[in-house]
Amino acid sequence: MDQTQQLKERYKKLAIAIILMVRKLPVKQEFKILGAQLIRSATSPGANYRAACRAKSAKDFLNKIKIVEEELDETLYWLEIIAELHPEAKTDLKPLWKETNELLAIVVATLKKLRTNE
């Protein structure tokens, strides 16, 4: 499997893992809202990465990868908020946090390389 396919798979697995974790959150209004926000931001990077892989130009690819970066950062934000409000979830959140940070590091490195090549 090439790197592009591996990344597509990682994005999809992260999104699914986050959806499954959100299902475990307490049934309170604030967690419903936070969970919905987290699911939106966590599913977006995979969809946008797939779109970037089909970009029509280098500029189009760069713009789509920037969206992936923003959505991964937002995902980290919602994970932080949930961890603060529901400390019992920290064990479930740790691997999600780690994978999101790893994917974000890959995107940031890609963006640096693209900017260097411009």
PDB file of N, CA and C in Angstrom:
ATOM      1  N   MET A   1       0.852  -1.181   0.000  1.00  0.00           N
ATOM      2  CA  MET A   1       0.000   0.000   0.000  1.00  0.00           C
ATOM      3  C   MET A   1       0.897   1.244   0.000  1.00  0.00           C
ATOM      4  N   ASP A   2       0.646   2.176  -0.909  1.00  0.00           N
ATOM      5  CA  ASP A   2       1.467   3.378  -0.976  1.00  0.00           C
ATOM      6  C   ASP A   2       1.098   4.356   0.143  1.00  0.00           C
ATOM      7  N   GLN A   3       1.921   5.389   0.285  1.00  0.00           N
ATOM      8  CA  GLN A   3       1.742   6.337   1.394  1.00  0.00           C
ATOM      9  C   GLN A   3       0.385   7.047   1.325  1.00  0.00           C
ATOM     10  N   THR A   4      -0.058   7.389   0.131  1.00  0.00           N
ATOM     11  CA  THR A   4      -1.348   8.065  -0.015  1.00  0.00           C
ATOM     12  C   THR A   4      -2.476   7.187   0.513  1.00  0.00           C
ATOM     13  N   GLN A   5      -2.466   5.921   0.138  1.00  0.00           N
ATOM     14  CA  GLN A   5      -3.494   4.985   0.603  1.00  0.00           C
ATOM     15  C   GLN A   5      -3.411   4.779   2.114  1.00  0.00           C
ATOM     16  N   GLN A   6      -2.192   4.710   2.629  1.00  0.00           N
ATOM     17  CA  GLN A   6      -2.006   4.554   4.073  1.00  0.00           C
ATOM     18  C   GLN A   6      -2.597   5.743   4.818  1.00  0.00           C
ATOM     19  N   LEU A   7      -2.351   6.953   4.308  1.00  0.00           N
ATOM     20  CA  LEU A   7      -2.893   8.142   4.962  1.00  0.00           C
ATOM     21  C   LEU A   7      -4.411   8.171   4.876  1.00  0.00           C
ATOM     22  N   LYS A   8      -4.962   7.826   3.728  1.00  0.00           N
ATOM     23  CA  LYS A   8      -6.426   7.771   3.605  1.00  0.00           C
ATOM     24  C   LYS A   8      -7.005   6.825   4.650  1.00  0.00           C
ATOM     25  N   GLU A   9      -6.356   5.688   4.825  1.00  0.00           N
ATOM     26  CA  GLU A   9      -6.828   4.692   5.796  1.00  0.00           C
ATOM     27  C   GLU A   9      -6.697   5.222   7.227  1.00  0.00           C
ATOM     28  N   ARG A  10      -5.603   5.899   7.526  1.00  0.00           N
ATOM     29  CA  ARG A  10      -5.413   6.458   8.873  1.00  0.00           C
ATOM     30  C   ARG A  10      -6.463   7.508   9.196  1.00  0.00           C
ATOM     31  N   TYR A  11      -6.764   8.364   8.218  1.00  0.00           N
ATOM     32  CA  TYR A  11      -7.805   9.373   8.434  1.00  0.00           C
ATOM     33  C   TYR A  11      -9.153   8.715   8.701  1.00  0.00           C
ATOM     34  N   LYS A  12      -9.458   7.693   7.946  1.00  0.00           N
ATOM     35  CA  LYS A  12     -10.745   7.008   8.123  1.00  0.00           C
ATOM     36  C   LYS A  12     -10.801   6.309   9.485  1.00  0.00           C
ATOM     37  N   LYS A  13      -9.725   5.637   9.865  1.00  0.00           N
ATOM     38  CA  LYS A  13      -9.699   4.940  11.164  1.00  0.00           C
ATOM     39  C   LYS A  13      -9.816   5.925  12.319  1.00  0.00           C
ATOM     40  N   LEU A  14      -9.162   7.079  12.192  1.00  0.00           N
ATOM     41  CA  LEU A  14      -9.262   8.103  13.238  1.00  0.00           C
ATOM     42  C   LEU A  14     -10.701   8.584  13.370  1.00  0.00           C
ATOM     43  N   ALA A  15     -11.339   8.867  12.253  1.00  0.00           N
ATOM     44  CA  ALA A  15     -12.723   9.347  12.283  1.00  0.00           C
ATOM     45  C   ALA A  15     -13.631   8.322  12.958  1.00  0.00           C
ATOM     46  N   ILE A  16     -13.478   7.060  12.598  1.00  0.00           N
ATOM     47  CA  ILE A  16     -14.312   6.005  13.186  1.00  0.00           C
ATOM     48  C   ILE A  16     -14.032   5.865  14.680  1.00  0.00           C
ATOM     49  N   ALA A  17     -12.758   5.903  15.062  1.00  0.00           N
ATOM     50  CA  ALA A  17     -12.399   5.787  16.483  1.00  0.00           C
ATOM     51  C   ALA A  17     -12.993   6.940  17.290  1.00  0.00           C
ATOM     52  N   ILE A  18     -12.988   8.132  16.728  1.00  0.00           N
ATOM     53  CA  ILE A  18     -13.554   9.279  17.435  1.00  0.00           C
ATOM     54  C   ILE A  18     -15.063   9.146  17.549  1.00  0.00           C
ATOM     55  N   ILE A  19     -15.726   8.707  16.495  1.00  0.00           N
ATOM     56  CA  ILE A  19     -17.172   8.502  16.565  1.00  0.00           C
ATOM     57  C   ILE A  19     -17.509   7.485  17.655  1.00  0.00           C
ATOM     58  N   LEU A  20     -16.750   6.401  17.722  1.00  0.00           N
ATOM     59  CA  LEU A  20     -16.995   5.381  18.751  1.00  0.00           C
ATOM     60  C   LEU A  20     -16.745   5.925  20.154  1.00  0.00           C
ATOM     61  N   MET A  21     -15.718   6.781  20.309  1.00  0.00           N
ATOM     62  CA  MET A  21     -15.440   7.383  21.610  1.00  0.00           C
ATOM     63  C   MET A  21     -16.565   8.333  22.010  1.00  0.00           C
ATOM     64  N   VAL A  22     -17.069   9.117  21.057  1.00  0.00           N
ATOM     65  CA  VAL A  22     -18.147  10.077  21.352  1.00  0.00           C
ATOM     66  C   VAL A  22     -19.381   9.332  21.859  1.00  0.00           C
ATOM     67  N   ARG A  23     -19.619   8.159  21.346  1.00  0.00           N
ATOM     68  CA  ARG A  23     -20.767   7.362  21.799  1.00  0.00           C
ATOM     69  C   ARG A  23     -20.682   7.022  23.286  1.00  0.00           C
ATOM     70  N   LYS A  24     -19.461   7.033  23.849  1.00  0.00           N
ATOM     71  CA  LYS A  24     -19.256   6.694  25.259  1.00  0.00           C
ATOM     72  C   LYS A  24     -19.404   7.902  26.190  1.00  0.00           C
ATOM     73  N   LEU A  25     -19.497   9.095  25.626  1.00  0.00           N
ATOM     74  CA  LEU A  25     -19.578  10.295  26.470  1.00  0.00           C
ATOM     75  C   LEU A  25     -20.900  10.327  27.230  1.00  0.00           C
ATOM     76  N   PRO A  26     -20.904  11.037  28.364  1.00  0.00           N
ATOM     77  CA  PRO A  26     -22.150  11.155  29.132  1.00  0.00           C
ATOM     78  C   PRO A  26     -23.274  11.760  28.279  1.00  0.00           C
ATOM     79  N   VAL A  27     -24.491  11.366  28.607  1.00  0.00           N
ATOM     80  CA  VAL A  27     -25.659  11.867  27.873  1.00  0.00           C
ATOM     81  C   VAL A  27     -26.115  13.169  28.528  1.00  0.00           C
ATOM     82  N   LYS A  28     -25.320  14.208  28.296  1.00  0.00           N
ATOM     83  CA  LYS A  28     -25.629  15.554  28.788  1.00  0.00           C
ATOM     84  C   LYS A  28     -25.555  16.485  27.593  1.00  0.00           C
ATOM     85  N   GLN A  29     -26.290  17.568  27.656  1.00  0.00           N
ATOM     86  CA  GLN A  29     -26.376  18.502  26.536  1.00  0.00           C
ATOM     87  C   GLN A  29     -25.000  18.965  26.052  1.00  0.00           C
ATOM     88  N   GLU A  30     -24.129  19.347  26.999  1.00  0.00           N
ATOM     89  CA  GLU A  30     -22.822  19.868  26.581  1.00  0.00           C
ATOM     90  C   GLU A  30     -21.992  18.827  25.839  1.00  0.00           C
ATOM     91  N   PHE A  31     -22.102  17.562  26.242  1.00  0.00           N
ATOM     92  CA  PHE A  31     -21.337  16.522  25.561  1.00  0.00           C
ATOM     93  C   PHE A  31     -21.942  16.169  24.204  1.00  0.00           C
ATOM     94  N   LYS A  32     -23.241  16.336  24.069  1.00  0.00           N
ATOM     95  CA  LYS A  32     -23.860  16.149  22.746  1.00  0.00           C
ATOM     96  C   LYS A  32     -23.325  17.200  21.774  1.00  0.00           C
ATOM     97  N   ILE A  33     -23.246  18.428  22.246  1.00  0.00           N
ATOM     98  CA  ILE A  33     -22.755  19.521  21.399  1.00  0.00           C
ATOM     99  C   ILE A  33     -21.274  19.328  21.083  1.00  0.00           C
ATOM    100  N   LEU A  34     -20.484  19.079  22.124  1.00  0.00           N
ATOM    101  CA  LEU A  34     -19.049  18.871  21.912  1.00  0.00           C
ATOM    102  C   LEU A  34     -18.792  17.653  21.029  1.00  0.00           C
ATOM    103  N   GLY A  35     -19.547  16.594  21.253  1.00  0.00           N
ATOM    104  CA  GLY A  35     -19.391  15.387  20.446  1.00  0.00           C
ATOM    105  C   GLY A  35     -19.696  15.649  18.980  1.00  0.00           C
ATOM    106  N   ALA A  36     -20.745  16.417  18.720  1.00  0.00           N
ATOM    107  CA  ALA A  36     -21.097  16.745  17.330  1.00  0.00           C
ATOM    108  C   ALA A  36     -19.994  17.578  16.678  1.00  0.00           C
ATOM    109  N   GLN A  37     -19.465  18.554  17.424  1.00  0.00           N
ATOM    110  CA  GLN A  37     -18.369  19.376  16.900  1.00  0.00           C
ATOM    111  C   GLN A  37     -17.142  18.507  16.598  1.00  0.00           C
ATOM    112  N   LEU A  38     -16.828  17.624  17.535  1.00  0.00           N
ATOM    113  CA  LEU A  38     -15.666  16.752  17.374  1.00  0.00           C
ATOM    114  C   LEU A  38     -15.837  15.820  16.174  1.00  0.00           C
ATOM    115  N   ILE A  39     -17.006  15.256  16.026  1.00  0.00           N
ATOM    116  CA  ILE A  39     -17.245  14.368  14.882  1.00  0.00           C
ATOM    117  C   ILE A  39     -17.101  15.134  13.567  1.00  0.00           C
ATOM    118  N   ARG A  40     -17.631  16.352  13.513  1.00  0.00           N
ATOM    119  CA  ARG A  40     -17.508  17.159  12.285  1.00  0.00           C
ATOM    120  C   ARG A  40     -16.037  17.406  11.944  1.00  0.00           C
ATOM    121  N   SER A  41     -15.276  17.849  12.950  1.00  0.00           N
ATOM    122  CA  SER A  41     -13.878  18.188  12.677  1.00  0.00           C
ATOM    123  C   SER A  41     -13.031  16.947  12.423  1.00  0.00           C
ATOM    124  N   ALA A  42     -13.364  15.831  13.041  1.00  0.00           N
ATOM    125  CA  ALA A  42     -12.559  14.606  12.889  1.00  0.00           C
ATOM    126  C   ALA A  42     -12.839  13.865  11.586  1.00  0.00           C
ATOM    127  N   THR A  43     -14.025  14.045  11.026  1.00  0.00           N
ATOM    128  CA  THR A  43     -14.331  13.378   9.761  1.00  0.00           C
ATOM    129  C   THR A  43     -13.897  14.225   8.561  1.00  0.00           C
ATOM    130  N   SER A  44     -13.739  15.496   8.760  1.00  0.00           N
ATOM    131  CA  SER A  44     -13.374  16.402   7.677  1.00  0.00           C
ATOM    132  C   SER A  44     -11.971  16.176   7.098  1.00  0.00           C
ATOM    133  N   PRO A  45     -10.929  15.929   7.909  1.00  0.00           N
ATOM    134  CA  PRO A  45      -9.593  15.766   7.322  1.00  0.00           C
ATOM    135  C   PRO A  45      -9.518  14.645   6.281  1.00  0.00           C
ATOM    136  N   GLY A  46     -10.148  13.525   6.558  1.00  0.00           N
ATOM    137  CA  GLY A  46     -10.122  12.420   5.604  1.00  0.00           C
ATOM    138  C   GLY A  46     -10.796  12.775   4.300  1.00  0.00           C
ATOM    139  N   ALA A  47     -11.943  13.424   4.388  1.00  0.00           N
ATOM    140  CA  ALA A  47     -12.656  13.828   3.171  1.00  0.00           C
ATOM    141  C   ALA A  47     -11.847  14.857   2.394  1.00  0.00           C
ATOM    142  N   ASN A  48     -11.256  15.805   3.103  1.00  0.00           N
ATOM    143  CA  ASN A  48     -10.472  16.832   2.422  1.00  0.00           C
ATOM    144  C   ASN A  48      -9.152  16.299   1.889  1.00  0.00           C
ATOM    145  N   TYR A  49      -8.560  15.325   2.573  1.00  0.00           N
ATOM    146  CA  TYR A  49      -7.333  14.711   2.055  1.00  0.00           C
ATOM    147  C   TYR A  49      -7.636  13.964   0.759  1.00  0.00           C
ATOM    148  N   ARG A  50      -8.752  13.236   0.747  1.00  0.00           N
ATOM    149  CA  ARG A  50      -9.148  12.542  -0.489  1.00  0.00           C
ATOM    150  C   ARG A  50      -9.363  13.538  -1.624  1.00  0.00           C
ATOM    151  N   ALA A  51      -9.990  14.677  -1.297  1.00  0.00           N
ATOM    152  CA  ALA A  51     -10.194  15.717  -2.308  1.00  0.00           C
ATOM    153  C   ALA A  51      -8.855  16.287  -2.780  1.00  0.00           C
ATOM    154  N   ALA A  52      -7.921  16.459  -1.850  1.00  0.00           N
ATOM    155  CA  ALA A  52      -6.591  16.969  -2.213  1.00  0.00           C
ATOM    156  C   ALA A  52      -5.884  16.015  -3.176  1.00  0.00           C
ATOM    157  N   CYS A  53      -6.084  14.730  -2.965  1.00  0.00           N
ATOM    158  CA  CYS A  53      -5.459  13.736  -3.846  1.00  0.00           C
ATOM    159  C   CYS A  53      -6.009  13.810  -5.275  1.00  0.00           C
ATOM    160  N   ARG A  54      -7.158  14.432  -5.422  1.00  0.00           N
ATOM    161  CA  ARG A  54      -7.768  14.607  -6.750  1.00  0.00           C
ATOM    162  C   ARG A  54      -7.692  16.068  -7.209  1.00  0.00           C
ATOM    163  N   ALA A  55      -6.813  16.837  -6.587  1.00  0.00           N
ATOM    164  CA  ALA A  55      -6.709  18.269  -6.894  1.00  0.00           C
ATOM    165  C   ALA A  55      -6.374  18.491  -8.369  1.00  0.00           C
ATOM    166  N   LYS A  56      -6.896  19.584  -8.881  1.00  0.00           N
ATOM    167  CA  LYS A  56      -6.722  19.913 -10.305  1.00  0.00           C
ATOM    168  C   LYS A  56      -5.428  20.679 -10.580  1.00  0.00           C
ATOM    169  N   SER A  57      -4.811  21.195  -9.506  1.00  0.00           N
ATOM    170  CA  SER A  57      -3.563  21.948  -9.665  1.00  0.00           C
ATOM    171  C   SER A  57      -2.799  21.918  -8.343  1.00  0.00           C
ATOM    172  N   ALA A  58      -1.568  22.372  -8.376  1.00  0.00           N
ATOM    173  CA  ALA A  58      -0.754  22.441  -7.157  1.00  0.00           C
ATOM    174  C   ALA A  58      -1.383  23.407  -6.153  1.00  0.00           C
ATOM    175  N   LYS A  59      -1.929  24.514  -6.662  1.00  0.00           N
ATOM    176  CA  LYS A  59      -2.573  25.496  -5.783  1.00  0.00           C
ATOM    177  C   LYS A  59      -3.828  24.900  -5.130  1.00  0.00           C
ATOM    178  N   ASP A  60      -4.603  24.156  -5.900  1.00  0.00           N
ATOM    179  CA  ASP A  60      -5.796  23.488  -5.387  1.00  0.00           C
ATOM    180  C   ASP A  60      -5.403  22.483  -4.303  1.00  0.00           C
ATOM    181  N   PHE A  61      -4.335  21.718  -4.559  1.00  0.00           N
ATOM    182  CA  PHE A  61      -3.841  20.748  -3.570  1.00  0.00           C
ATOM    183  C   PHE A  61      -3.444  21.476  -2.287  1.00  0.00           C
ATOM    184  N   LEU A  62      -2.696  22.560  -2.419  1.00  0.00           N
ATOM    185  CA  LEU A  62      -2.245  23.325  -1.254  1.00  0.00           C
ATOM    186  C   LEU A  62      -3.435  23.832  -0.436  1.00  0.00           C
ATOM    187  N   ASN A  63      -4.441  24.364  -1.097  1.00  0.00           N
ATOM    188  CA  ASN A  63      -5.616  24.872  -0.389  1.00  0.00           C
ATOM    189  C   ASN A  63      -6.350  23.766   0.364  1.00  0.00           C
ATOM    190  N   LYS A  64      -6.477  22.619  -0.251  1.00  0.00           N
ATOM    191  CA  LYS A  64      -7.176  21.509   0.399  1.00  0.00           C
ATOM    192  C   LYS A  64      -6.362  20.953   1.575  1.00  0.00           C
ATOM    193  N   ILE A  65      -5.058  20.898   1.436  1.00  0.00           N
ATOM    194  CA  ILE A  65      -4.198  20.432   2.532  1.00  0.00           C
ATOM    195  C   ILE A  65      -4.245  21.413   3.706  1.00  0.00           C
ATOM    196  N   LYS A  66      -4.366  22.693   3.426  1.00  0.00           N
ATOM    197  CA  LYS A  66      -4.514  23.682   4.505  1.00  0.00           C
ATOM    198  C   LYS A  66      -5.793  23.434   5.298  1.00  0.00           C
ATOM    199  N   ILE A  67      -6.852  23.029   4.607  1.00  0.00           N
ATOM    200  CA  ILE A  67      -8.112  22.703   5.298  1.00  0.00           C
ATOM    201  C   ILE A  67      -7.908  21.490   6.194  1.00  0.00           C
ATOM    202  N   VAL A  68      -7.176  20.500   5.703  1.00  0.00           N
ATOM    203  CA  VAL A  68      -6.877  19.308   6.513  1.00  0.00           C
ATOM    204  C   VAL A  68      -6.159  19.734   7.791  1.00  0.00           C
ATOM    205  N   GLU A  69      -5.168  20.625   7.655  1.00  0.00           N
ATOM    206  CA  GLU A  69      -4.422  21.118   8.824  1.00  0.00           C
ATOM    207  C   GLU A  69      -5.358  21.802   9.827  1.00  0.00           C
ATOM    208  N   GLU A  70      -6.210  22.678   9.342  1.00  0.00           N
ATOM    209  CA  GLU A  70      -7.135  23.401  10.219  1.00  0.00           C
ATOM    210  C   GLU A  70      -8.087  22.453  10.946  1.00  0.00           C
ATOM    211  N   GLU A  71      -8.605  21.477  10.240  1.00  0.00           N
ATOM    212  CA  GLU A  71      -9.560  20.538  10.839  1.00  0.00           C
ATOM    213  C   GLU A  71      -8.887  19.627  11.864  1.00  0.00           C
ATOM    214  N   LEU A  72      -7.658  19.219  11.607  1.00  0.00           N
ATOM    215  CA  LEU A  72      -6.936  18.411  12.595  1.00  0.00           C
ATOM    216  C   LEU A  72      -6.671  19.227  13.859  1.00  0.00           C
ATOM    217  N   ASP A  73      -6.295  20.487  13.685  1.00  0.00           N
ATOM    218  CA  ASP A  73      -6.063  21.346  14.843  1.00  0.00           C
ATOM    219  C   ASP A  73      -7.360  21.552  15.626  1.00  0.00           C
ATOM    220  N   GLU A  74      -8.461  21.730  14.919  1.00  0.00           N
ATOM    221  CA  GLU A  74      -9.749  21.879  15.588  1.00  0.00           C
ATOM    222  C   GLU A  74     -10.116  20.596  16.344  1.00  0.00           C
ATOM    223  N   THR A  75      -9.819  19.465  15.756  1.00  0.00           N
ATOM    224  CA  THR A  75     -10.077  18.184  16.421  1.00  0.00           C
ATOM    225  C   THR A  75      -9.316  18.117  17.746  1.00  0.00           C
ATOM    226  N   LEU A  76      -8.067  18.532  17.730  1.00  0.00           N
ATOM    227  CA  LEU A  76      -7.283  18.554  18.973  1.00  0.00           C
ATOM    228  C   LEU A  76      -7.933  19.468  20.012  1.00  0.00           C
ATOM    229  N   TYR A  77      -8.442  20.587  19.563  1.00  0.00           N
ATOM    230  CA  TYR A  77      -9.110  21.522  20.476  1.00  0.00           C
ATOM    231  C   TYR A  77     -10.304  20.861  21.165  1.00  0.00           C
ATOM    232  N   TRP A  78     -11.180  20.216  20.390  1.00  0.00           N
ATOM    233  CA  TRP A  78     -12.358  19.577  20.981  1.00  0.00           C
ATOM    234  C   TRP A  78     -11.944  18.430  21.905  1.00  0.00           C
ATOM    235  N   LEU A  79     -10.898  17.695  21.544  1.00  0.00           N
ATOM    236  CA  LEU A  79     -10.410  16.636  22.436  1.00  0.00           C
ATOM    237  C   LEU A  79      -9.940  17.235  23.764  1.00  0.00           C
ATOM    238  N   GLU A  80      -9.259  18.379  23.712  1.00  0.00           N
ATOM    239  CA  GLU A  80      -8.802  19.054  24.934  1.00  0.00           C
ATOM    240  C   GLU A  80      -9.985  19.453  25.811  1.00  0.00           C
ATOM    241  N   ILE A  81     -11.001  20.042  25.205  1.00  0.00           N
ATOM    242  CA  ILE A  81     -12.172  20.487  25.961  1.00  0.00           C
ATOM    243  C   ILE A  81     -12.848  19.290  26.637  1.00  0.00           C
ATOM    244  N   ILE A  82     -13.028  18.221  25.889  1.00  0.00           N
ATOM    245  CA  ILE A  82     -13.673  17.027  26.447  1.00  0.00           C
ATOM    246  C   ILE A  82     -12.830  16.449  27.582  1.00  0.00           C
ATOM    247  N   ALA A  83     -11.511  16.425  27.412  1.00  0.00           N
ATOM    248  CA  ALA A  83     -10.632  15.911  28.468  1.00  0.00           C
ATOM    249  C   ALA A  83     -10.740  16.745  29.740  1.00  0.00           C
ATOM    250  N   GLU A  84     -10.872  18.045  29.588  1.00  0.00           N
ATOM    251  CA  GLU A  84     -11.001  18.932  30.756  1.00  0.00           C
ATOM    252  C   GLU A  84     -12.328  18.714  31.472  1.00  0.00           C
ATOM    253  N   LEU A  85     -13.388  18.541  30.701  1.00  0.00           N
ATOM    254  CA  LEU A  85     -14.720  18.402  31.291  1.00  0.00           C
ATOM    255  C   LEU A  85     -15.033  16.989  31.762  1.00  0.00           C
ATOM    256  N   HIS A  86     -14.351  16.026  31.193  1.00  0.00           N
ATOM    257  CA  HIS A  86     -14.638  14.618  31.508  1.00  0.00           C
ATOM    258  C   HIS A  86     -13.314  13.856  31.677  1.00  0.00           C
ATOM    259  N   PRO A  87     -12.605  14.113  32.792  1.00  0.00           N
ATOM    260  CA  PRO A  87     -11.290  13.510  33.000  1.00  0.00           C
ATOM    261  C   PRO A  87     -11.274  11.980  32.912  1.00  0.00           C
ATOM    262  N   GLU A  88     -12.427  11.364  33.183  1.00  0.00           N
ATOM    263  CA  GLU A  88     -12.505   9.899  33.112  1.00  0.00           C
ATOM    264  C   GLU A  88     -12.255   9.390  31.688  1.00  0.00           C
ATOM    265  N   ALA A  89     -12.410  10.243  30.707  1.00  0.00           N
ATOM    266  CA  ALA A  89     -12.254   9.842  29.306  1.00  0.00           C
ATOM    267  C   ALA A  89     -10.805   9.930  28.821  1.00  0.00           C
ATOM    268  N   LYS A  90      -9.901  10.425  29.665  1.00  0.00           N
ATOM    269  CA  LYS A  90      -8.524  10.646  29.219  1.00  0.00           C
ATOM    270  C   LYS A  90      -7.864   9.396  28.663  1.00  0.00           C
ATOM    271  N   THR A  91      -8.158   8.231  29.224  1.00  0.00           N
ATOM    272  CA  THR A  91      -7.579   6.983  28.714  1.00  0.00           C
ATOM    273  C   THR A  91      -8.041   6.726  27.285  1.00  0.00           C
ATOM    274  N   ASP A  92      -9.315   6.945  27.015  1.00  0.00           N
ATOM    275  CA  ASP A  92      -9.847   6.772  25.662  1.00  0.00           C
ATOM    276  C   ASP A  92      -9.329   7.854  24.714  1.00  0.00           C
ATOM    277  N   LEU A  93      -9.053   9.029  25.246  1.00  0.00           N
ATOM    278  CA  LEU A  93      -8.638  10.149  24.410  1.00  0.00           C
ATOM    279  C   LEU A  93      -7.167  10.098  24.016  1.00  0.00           C
ATOM    280  N   LYS A  94      -6.321   9.482  24.843  1.00  0.00           N
ATOM    281  CA  LYS A  94      -4.873   9.475  24.590  1.00  0.00           C
ATOM    282  C   LYS A  94      -4.493   8.967  23.200  1.00  0.00           C
ATOM    283  N   PRO A  95      -4.962   7.784  22.778  1.00  0.00           N
ATOM    284  CA  PRO A  95      -4.565   7.321  21.437  1.00  0.00           C
ATOM    285  C   PRO A  95      -5.135   8.191  20.318  1.00  0.00           C
ATOM    286  N   LEU A  96      -6.299   8.787  20.536  1.00  0.00           N
ATOM    287  CA  LEU A  96      -6.888   9.675  19.535  1.00  0.00           C
ATOM    288  C   LEU A  96      -6.062  10.953  19.421  1.00  0.00           C
ATOM    289  N   TRP A  97      -5.656  11.462  20.560  1.00  0.00           N
ATOM    290  CA  TRP A  97      -4.810  12.653  20.621  1.00  0.00           C
ATOM    291  C   TRP A  97      -3.491  12.385  19.890  1.00  0.00           C
ATOM    292  N   LYS A  98      -2.888  11.235  20.187  1.00  0.00           N
ATOM    293  CA  LYS A  98      -1.597  10.858  19.587  1.00  0.00           C
ATOM    294  C   LYS A  98      -1.717  10.756  18.066  1.00  0.00           C
ATOM    295  N   GLU A  99      -2.714  10.054  17.584  1.00  0.00           N
ATOM    296  CA  GLU A  99      -2.883   9.875  16.140  1.00  0.00           C
ATOM    297  C   GLU A  99      -3.188  11.201  15.455  1.00  0.00           C
ATOM    298  N   THR A 100      -4.014  12.029  16.064  1.00  0.00           N
ATOM    299  CA  THR A 100      -4.327  13.333  15.477  1.00  0.00           C
ATOM    300  C   THR A 100      -3.066  14.181  15.389  1.00  0.00           C
ATOM    301  N   ASN A 101      -2.248  14.175  16.438  1.00  0.00           N
ATOM    302  CA  ASN A 101      -0.987  14.926  16.420  1.00  0.00           C
ATOM    303  C   ASN A 101      -0.029  14.398  15.360  1.00  0.00           C
ATOM    304  N   GLU A 102       0.036  13.083  15.199  1.00  0.00           N
ATOM    305  CA  GLU A 102       0.918  12.499  14.184  1.00  0.00           C
ATOM    306  C   GLU A 102       0.466  12.905  12.780  1.00  0.00           C
ATOM    307  N   LEU A 103      -0.831  12.834  12.533  1.00  0.00           N
ATOM    308  CA  LEU A 103      -1.348  13.225  11.224  1.00  0.00           C
ATOM    309  C   LEU A 103      -1.124  14.720  10.985  1.00  0.00           C
ATOM    310  N   LEU A 104      -1.295  15.519  12.023  1.00  0.00           N
ATOM    311  CA  LEU A 104      -1.053  16.955  11.903  1.00  0.00           C
ATOM    312  C   LEU A 104       0.416  17.227  11.578  1.00  0.00           C
ATOM    313  N   ALA A 105       1.328  16.502  12.209  1.00  0.00           N
ATOM    314  CA  ALA A 105       2.760  16.674  11.931  1.00  0.00           C
ATOM    315  C   ALA A 105       3.078  16.341  10.472  1.00  0.00           C
ATOM    316  N   ILE A 106       2.450  15.322   9.940  1.00  0.00           N
ATOM    317  CA  ILE A 106       2.654  14.949   8.533  1.00  0.00           C
ATOM    318  C   ILE A 106       2.158  16.072   7.625  1.00  0.00           C
ATOM    319  N   VAL A 107       1.001  16.621   7.927  1.00  0.00           N
ATOM    320  CA  VAL A 107       0.429  17.703   7.118  1.00  0.00           C
ATOM    321  C   VAL A 107       1.314  18.942   7.189  1.00  0.00           C
ATOM    322  N   VAL A 108       1.772  19.287   8.382  1.00  0.00           N
ATOM    323  CA  VAL A 108       2.632  20.463   8.540  1.00  0.00           C
ATOM    324  C   VAL A 108       3.926  20.277   7.748  1.00  0.00           C
ATOM    325  N   ALA A 109       4.511  19.089   7.803  1.00  0.00           N
ATOM    326  CA  ALA A 109       5.724  18.811   7.028  1.00  0.00           C
ATOM    327  C   ALA A 109       5.453  18.916   5.527  1.00  0.00           C
ATOM    328  N   THR A 110       4.311  18.434   5.103  1.00  0.00           N
ATOM    329  CA  THR A 110       3.922  18.531   3.689  1.00  0.00           C
ATOM    330  C   THR A 110       3.786  19.991   3.274  1.00  0.00           C
ATOM    331  N   LEU A 111       3.121  20.780   4.111  1.00  0.00           N
ATOM    332  CA  LEU A 111       2.950  22.208   3.802  1.00  0.00           C
ATOM    333  C   LEU A 111       4.293  22.932   3.738  1.00  0.00           C
ATOM    334  N   LYS A 112       5.205  22.619   4.660  1.00  0.00           N
ATOM    335  CA  LYS A 112       6.534  23.250   4.645  1.00  0.00           C
ATOM    336  C   LYS A 112       7.260  22.903   3.352  1.00  0.00           C
ATOM    337  N   LYS A 113       7.168  21.640   2.964  1.00  0.00           N
ATOM    338  CA  LYS A 113       7.834  21.196   1.729  1.00  0.00           C
ATOM    339  C   LYS A 113       7.235  21.897   0.509  1.00  0.00           C
ATOM    340  N   LEU A 114       5.916  22.012   0.467  1.00  0.00           N
ATOM    341  CA  LEU A 114       5.250  22.685  -0.653  1.00  0.00           C
ATOM    342  C   LEU A 114       5.640  24.164  -0.721  1.00  0.00           C
ATOM    343  N   ARG A 115       5.720  24.802   0.425  1.00  0.00           N
ATOM    344  CA  ARG A 115       6.085  26.224   0.453  1.00  0.00           C
ATOM    345  C   ARG A 115       7.545  26.418   0.042  1.00  0.00           C
ATOM    346  N   THR A 116       8.394  25.473   0.403  1.00  0.00           N
ATOM    347  CA  THR A 116       9.805  25.536   0.020  1.00  0.00           C
ATOM    348  C   THR A 116       9.956  25.380  -1.486  1.00  0.00           C
ATOM    349  N   ASN A 117       9.120  24.548  -2.067  1.00  0.00           N
ATOM    350  CA  ASN A 117       9.193  24.296  -3.508  1.00  0.00           C
ATOM    351  C   ASN A 117       8.563  25.396  -4.355  1.00  0.00           C
ATOM    352  N   GLU A 118       7.849  26.320  -3.721  1.00  0.00           N
ATOM    353  CA  GLU A 118       7.201  27.401  -4.496  1.00  0.00           C
ATOM    354  C   GLU A 118       8.195  28.408  -5.006  1.00  0.00           C
TER     355      GLU A 118
END
